[in-house]
Amino acid sequence: YFISDRDGVMNLFSYGLRTRETRKLTDHAEYDIKWPSLGPDSNLYENGGLLFEYGLSSGKTSNIPIRVHAENLRARPEFKAVARNIERFSISPSGARGVVSARGNIFTVPAEKGTARNLTDSSEVHDLNPAWSPDGKWIAYLSDRTGEYEIYVRPQLGGPETRITSDGGVYRYGPVWSPDSKKLLYWDKLHRLFWIGTDEKKA
């Protein structure tokens, strides 16, 4: 087996030692074949930046798909200091803790002693605009988990979130709690004002 550009473009040929016949095996018309490598069942080569396999028994050429995954260092998980990325905050009724949004997550932090808690821990979505309920039990916030910004609430000590709205179509602002911690006020970019009950979930 050898490559030759006798037809203008380098292709794969074979020469029969017994028959003394030369046969053209491939028919690439744009790029030269490079670096053919013979194995027990096929001949591998490069053409136009792609790898191909010529089957010795079948006489057919097929492309070998290869995916090369880059290091992509920026996509690796890492710990980040978020103090300089705080976008909005709210204070608990007791004043002992505060809730902040930073880098798409919702955190509660102590005023003096204690540890910070990442309530949402969701790198794949953007959570923002947290608000602490007047009774101290809940954190309300916006999240684009569904593709549109909807309102969610979550226990301030941590736990599963509850989706309150389900009709997001334009960018939303808020939320703001009612004094009884049972309703939320929000508005949107169309200058519409809404309130919704956290139990009924009807705006």
Foldseek 3Di string as FASTA:
>chain_A
DAWDCPVPATFDWDADPVVRDIDTLDDDDPHHWDDWDDDPFWIWTDTPNWIWTQGPVVSDIDTDDDDDDDPPVVPDDDDDDFPVFWDDKEAALVNQWIWTAGQQWIWIGGPPDDHIDTQPPDNPKHWHAWYAANVRFKIWTWICPVVFTFIWIAGPVHDDIDTQEDDGDAHKDDWDADNVRFKTWIAGPVGDIDMGGSVVSDD
